[in-house]
Amino acid sequence: MKVKMLVSMASESEVNNVGDVIDVKKSIAVAWKEKGIAEIVEEKKEKKKGDK
């Protein structure tokens, strides 16, 4: 799930600045949205059986 960062966040291996669009797990995206850390930009679309 793609999210747009509303605050800066850094870890040992990564830095995300305000406005960055990153891909995270759905559970993380929902938690960050609830806490005001990020806003959801795009949900991953599940493939249908007939899609390639």
Protein backbone atom coordinates (compact mmCIF):
# COMPACT_ATOMS: atom_id res chain seq x y z
CA MET A 1 0.00 0.00 0.00
CA LYS A 2 1.42 3.39 -0.91
CA VAL A 3 1.40 6.16 1.68
CA LYS A 4 2.52 9.79 1.65
CA MET A 5 4.55 10.78 4.70
CA LEU A 6 3.18 13.70 6.74
CA VAL A 7 6.16 13.72 9.15
CA SER A 8 9.82 12.77 8.83
CA MET A 9 10.84 9.36 10.10
CA ALA A 10 14.29 7.78 10.30
CA SER A 11 15.69 4.37 11.21
CA GLU A 12 19.14 2.80 11.01
CA SER A 13 18.62 1.82 7.38
CA GLU A 14 16.12 4.33 5.96
CA VAL A 15 15.03 7.97 6.05
CA ASN A 16 11.56 9.11 4.98
CA ASN A 17 10.93 12.83 4.60
CA VAL A 18 7.67 14.78 4.53
CA GLY A 19 6.00 14.26 1.15
CA ASP A 20 7.80 11.01 0.32
CA VAL A 21 5.55 8.30 -1.13
CA ILE A 22 6.58 4.86 0.06
CA ASP A 23 5.21 1.31 -0.10
CA VAL A 24 4.35 -0.36 3.24
CA LYS A 25 2.21 -3.23 4.52
CA LYS A 26 -1.50 -2.49 4.90
CA SER A 27 -1.38 -2.88 8.70
CA ILE A 28 1.40 -0.29 8.95
CA ALA A 29 -0.38 2.09 6.56
CA VAL A 30 -3.59 1.94 8.61
CA ALA A 31 -1.71 2.46 11.90
CA TRP A 32 0.27 5.42 10.51
CA LYS A 33 -2.94 6.98 9.13
CA GLU A 34 -4.66 6.67 12.51
CA LYS A 35 -1.67 8.34 14.24
CA GLY A 36 -1.34 11.14 11.65
CA ILE A 37 2.07 9.99 10.42
CA ALA A 38 1.02 9.31 6.82
CA GLU A 39 -1.95 9.39 4.48
CA ILE A 40 -2.93 6.52 2.22
CA VAL A 41 -2.31 7.36 -1.44
CA GLU A 42 -3.09 4.07 -3.16
CA GLU A 43 -4.17 0.62 -2.13
CA LYS A 44 -2.62 -2.38 -3.83
CA LYS A 45 -5.02 -3.96 -6.25
CA GLU A 46 -5.40 -7.70 -5.92
CA LYS A 47 -4.99 -9.67 -9.11
CA LYS A 48 -7.98 -11.53 -10.41
CA LYS A 49 -7.64 -15.08 -11.66
CA GLY A 50 -7.86 -13.99 -15.32
CA ASP A 51 -5.30 -11.15 -15.01
CA LYS A 52 -1.73 -11.67 -16.17
